[in-house]
């Protein structure tokens, strides 16, 4: 159960943040997103269980950096407003608090399986790299959650290959 909740929170951070980040910045194509998450109330896992997971090549969310790839379309990169994010279990809205040519601050409010408010701060170095933080306080599947995530994004190439375009939650 813990792994499912932690994975859900990481997935939310990895999907929600890039969706707001690219509004008017970056390049269309393949990006590497690296994130490190900390949870204030993360349950402690017995050392034997952690050793078993490591021996099977499994990474514990939040224990070490996680890297994933996303494909951003020209429409996503050139959008001037962060998209609203909805699916049958989540209803999240993004509010842009401030934006300059090299930075952005936003707030994400979610209702549904994930209830709470997240804050994101972002800085761009050119159109091929960004870094930032995302914090969320609320609940996930009825359990209190408080997470903070540091992440970076690096442009890889224009051709996404087999990686499908990033999907922002929608009906």
Protein backbone atom coordinates (compact mmCIF):
# COMPACT_ATOMS: atom_id res chain seq x y z
CA UNK A 1 0.00 0.00 0.00
CA UNK A 2 2.83 2.42 0.87
CA UNK A 3 4.53 1.85 -2.48
CA UNK A 4 1.26 2.50 -4.32
CA UNK A 5 0.69 5.82 -2.53
CA UNK A 6 4.31 6.93 -2.91
CA UNK A 7 4.28 5.98 -6.59
CA UNK A 8 1.04 7.94 -7.03
CA UNK A 9 2.57 11.03 -5.46
CA UNK A 10 5.71 10.77 -7.58
CA UNK A 11 3.65 10.26 -10.71
CA UNK A 12 1.57 13.31 -9.83
CA UNK A 13 4.66 15.44 -9.31
CA UNK A 14 6.34 14.21 -12.49
CA UNK A 15 3.22 14.75 -14.61
CA UNK A 16 1.78 17.89 -13.01
CA UNK A 17 4.97 19.89 -12.86
CA UNK A 18 6.19 19.52 -16.46
CA UNK A 19 2.68 20.36 -17.69
CA UNK A 20 2.90 23.75 -16.00
CA UNK A 21 6.59 24.23 -16.67
CA UNK A 22 6.52 24.18 -20.42
CA UNK A 23 3.92 26.91 -20.91
CA UNK A 24 5.87 29.14 -23.30
CA UNK A 25 9.30 27.56 -22.65
CA UNK A 26 11.51 24.75 -23.84
CA UNK A 27 11.71 22.76 -27.04
CA UNK A 28 9.33 20.17 -28.41
CA UNK A 29 10.75 16.67 -28.21
CA UNK A 30 12.22 14.19 -25.76
CA UNK A 31 13.14 15.35 -22.24
CA UNK A 32 14.79 13.58 -19.30
CA UNK A 33 13.12 14.51 -16.00
CA UNK A 34 15.02 13.65 -12.81
CA UNK A 35 13.29 14.04 -9.46
CA UNK A 36 14.09 13.39 -5.84
CA UNK A 37 11.17 13.25 -3.43
CA UNK A 38 11.00 13.49 0.35
CA UNK A 39 7.89 12.61 2.34
CA UNK A 40 7.49 14.01 5.84
CA UNK A 41 5.39 11.08 7.05
CA UNK A 42 6.92 8.24 5.01
CA UNK A 43 6.46 4.93 6.83
CA UNK A 44 9.72 3.22 7.75
CA UNK A 45 10.45 0.06 5.82
CA UNK A 46 12.31 -2.76 7.57
CA UNK A 47 15.96 -3.05 6.40
CA UNK A 48 15.32 -6.64 5.22
CA UNK A 49 12.50 -5.49 2.93
CA UNK A 50 14.67 -2.69 1.51
CA UNK A 51 17.55 -5.13 0.90
CA UNK A 52 15.20 -7.54 -0.88
CA UNK A 53 13.86 -4.76 -3.11
CA UNK A 54 17.38 -3.59 -4.00
CA UNK A 55 18.46 -7.18 -4.78
CA UNK A 56 15.56 -7.37 -7.26
CA UNK A 57 16.62 -4.11 -8.91
CA UNK A 58 13.67 -2.15 -7.50
CA UNK A 59 14.07 1.48 -6.49
CA UNK A 60 12.31 2.85 -3.46
CA UNK A 61 10.43 6.04 -4.34
CA UNK A 62 11.96 9.01 -2.58
CA UNK A 63 15.10 7.17 -1.52
CA UNK A 64 17.12 8.01 -4.61
CA UNK A 65 16.68 10.14 -7.73
CA UNK A 66 14.20 8.85 -10.30
CA UNK A 67 14.61 9.64 -13.99
CA UNK A 68 11.89 9.35 -16.59
CA UNK A 69 11.43 10.54 -20.14
CA UNK A 70 8.56 12.59 -21.48
CA UNK A 71 7.76 13.75 -24.98
CA UNK A 72 6.47 17.32 -25.27
CA UNK A 73 4.50 18.41 -28.35
CA UNK A 74 4.85 21.86 -29.95
CA UNK A 75 1.37 22.73 -28.63
CA UNK A 76 2.38 21.87 -25.06
CA UNK A 77 5.65 23.79 -25.28
CA UNK A 78 4.10 26.87 -26.89
CA UNK A 79 1.00 27.06 -24.70
CA UNK A 80 0.76 30.30 -22.75
CA UNK A 81 -1.50 28.97 -20.00
CA UNK A 82 -0.85 25.88 -17.86
CA UNK A 83 -3.54 23.29 -18.65
CA UNK A 84 -6.24 22.17 -16.23
CA UNK A 85 -5.79 18.53 -15.21
CA UNK A 86 -8.73 16.19 -14.76
CA UNK A 87 -9.51 12.49 -14.81
CA UNK A 88 -12.12 10.39 -13.05
CA UNK A 89 -10.13 10.32 -9.77
CA UNK A 90 -8.48 13.75 -9.81
CA UNK A 91 -9.54 17.31 -10.50
CA UNK A 92 -6.55 19.65 -10.38
CA UNK A 93 -6.37 23.29 -11.39
CA UNK A 94 -3.19 25.28 -11.88
CA UNK A 95 -2.90 28.94 -11.03
CA UNK A 96 0.08 30.85 -12.34
CA UNK A 97 1.28 33.09 -9.48
CA UNK A 98 4.14 34.83 -11.28
CA UNK A 99 6.25 34.40 -14.39
CA UNK A 100 9.31 36.09 -15.85
CA UNK A 101 11.44 35.21 -18.86
CA UNK A 102 13.52 32.83 -16.68
CA UNK A 103 11.30 31.71 -13.80
CA UNK A 104 7.79 30.80 -12.75
CA UNK A 105 5.76 30.18 -9.58
CA UNK A 106 2.47 28.31 -9.62
CA UNK A 107 -0.06 26.70 -7.34
CA UNK A 108 -1.91 23.45 -8.05
CA UNK A 109 -5.13 22.69 -6.15
CA UNK A 110 -6.42 19.10 -6.35
CA UNK A 111 -9.70 17.48 -5.34
CA UNK A 112 -10.62 13.82 -5.59
CA UNK A 113 -8.38 10.91 -4.62
CA UNK A 114 -5.63 13.50 -4.13
CA UNK A 115 -6.79 16.47 -1.99
CA UNK A 116 -4.56 19.40 -1.27
CA UNK A 117 -2.43 22.22 -2.56
CA UNK A 118 0.93 22.10 -4.28
CA UNK A 119 3.40 24.91 -4.94
CA UNK A 120 5.97 24.92 -7.70
CA UNK A 121 8.95 27.15 -8.39
CA UNK A 122 10.85 26.84 -11.63
CA UNK A 123 13.93 28.35 -13.26
CA UNK A 124 15.04 27.93 -16.87
CA UNK A 125 18.58 28.03 -18.20
CA UNK A 126 17.99 28.56 -21.91
CA UNK A 127 15.37 26.39 -23.60
CA UNK A 128 17.09 23.03 -22.94
CA UNK A 129 17.27 22.88 -19.12
CA UNK A 130 15.08 23.69 -16.16
CA UNK A 131 15.18 23.01 -12.44
CA UNK A 132 12.76 23.55 -9.64
CA UNK A 133 10.89 22.43 -6.59
CA UNK A 134 7.37 21.19 -5.95
CA UNK A 135 5.75 20.81 -2.54
CA UNK A 136 2.36 19.26 -1.78
CA UNK A 137 0.39 19.20 1.43
CA UNK A 138 -2.89 17.35 1.71
CA UNK A 139 -4.01 13.75 1.42
CA UNK A 140 -3.74 10.90 -1.05
CA UNK A 141 -6.41 8.21 -0.90
CA UNK A 142 -7.49 9.60 2.49
CA UNK A 143 -4.02 9.48 4.07
CA UNK A 144 -2.25 12.70 5.11
CA UNK A 145 0.68 13.51 2.84
CA UNK A 146 3.36 16.14 2.81
CA UNK A 147 5.94 15.85 0.05
CA UNK A 148 8.68 17.98 -1.39
CA UNK A 149 10.32 17.26 -4.71
CA UNK A 150 13.37 18.68 -6.43
CA UNK A 151 13.58 18.10 -10.14
CA UNK A 152 15.50 18.95 -13.29
CA UNK A 153 14.58 18.65 -16.93
CA UNK A 154 17.05 18.28 -19.77
CA UNK A 155 16.23 18.32 -23.47
CA UNK A 156 17.49 15.17 -25.21
CA UNK A 157 16.45 15.48 -28.87
CA UNK A 158 13.61 16.57 -31.14
CA UNK A 159 12.63 13.00 -32.08
CA UNK A 160 10.77 11.27 -29.26
CA UNK A 161 11.19 7.81 -30.79
CA UNK A 162 8.87 5.34 -29.04
CA UNK A 163 8.05 7.72 -26.15
CA UNK A 164 4.47 8.94 -26.55
CA UNK A 165 3.63 12.63 -25.99
CA UNK A 166 3.09 13.60 -22.36
CA UNK A 167 -0.59 13.32 -21.46
CA UNK A 168 -2.09 15.86 -19.17
CA UNK A 169 -5.02 14.30 -17.32
CA UNK A 170 -8.29 14.97 -19.13
CA UNK A 171 -11.76 13.50 -19.47
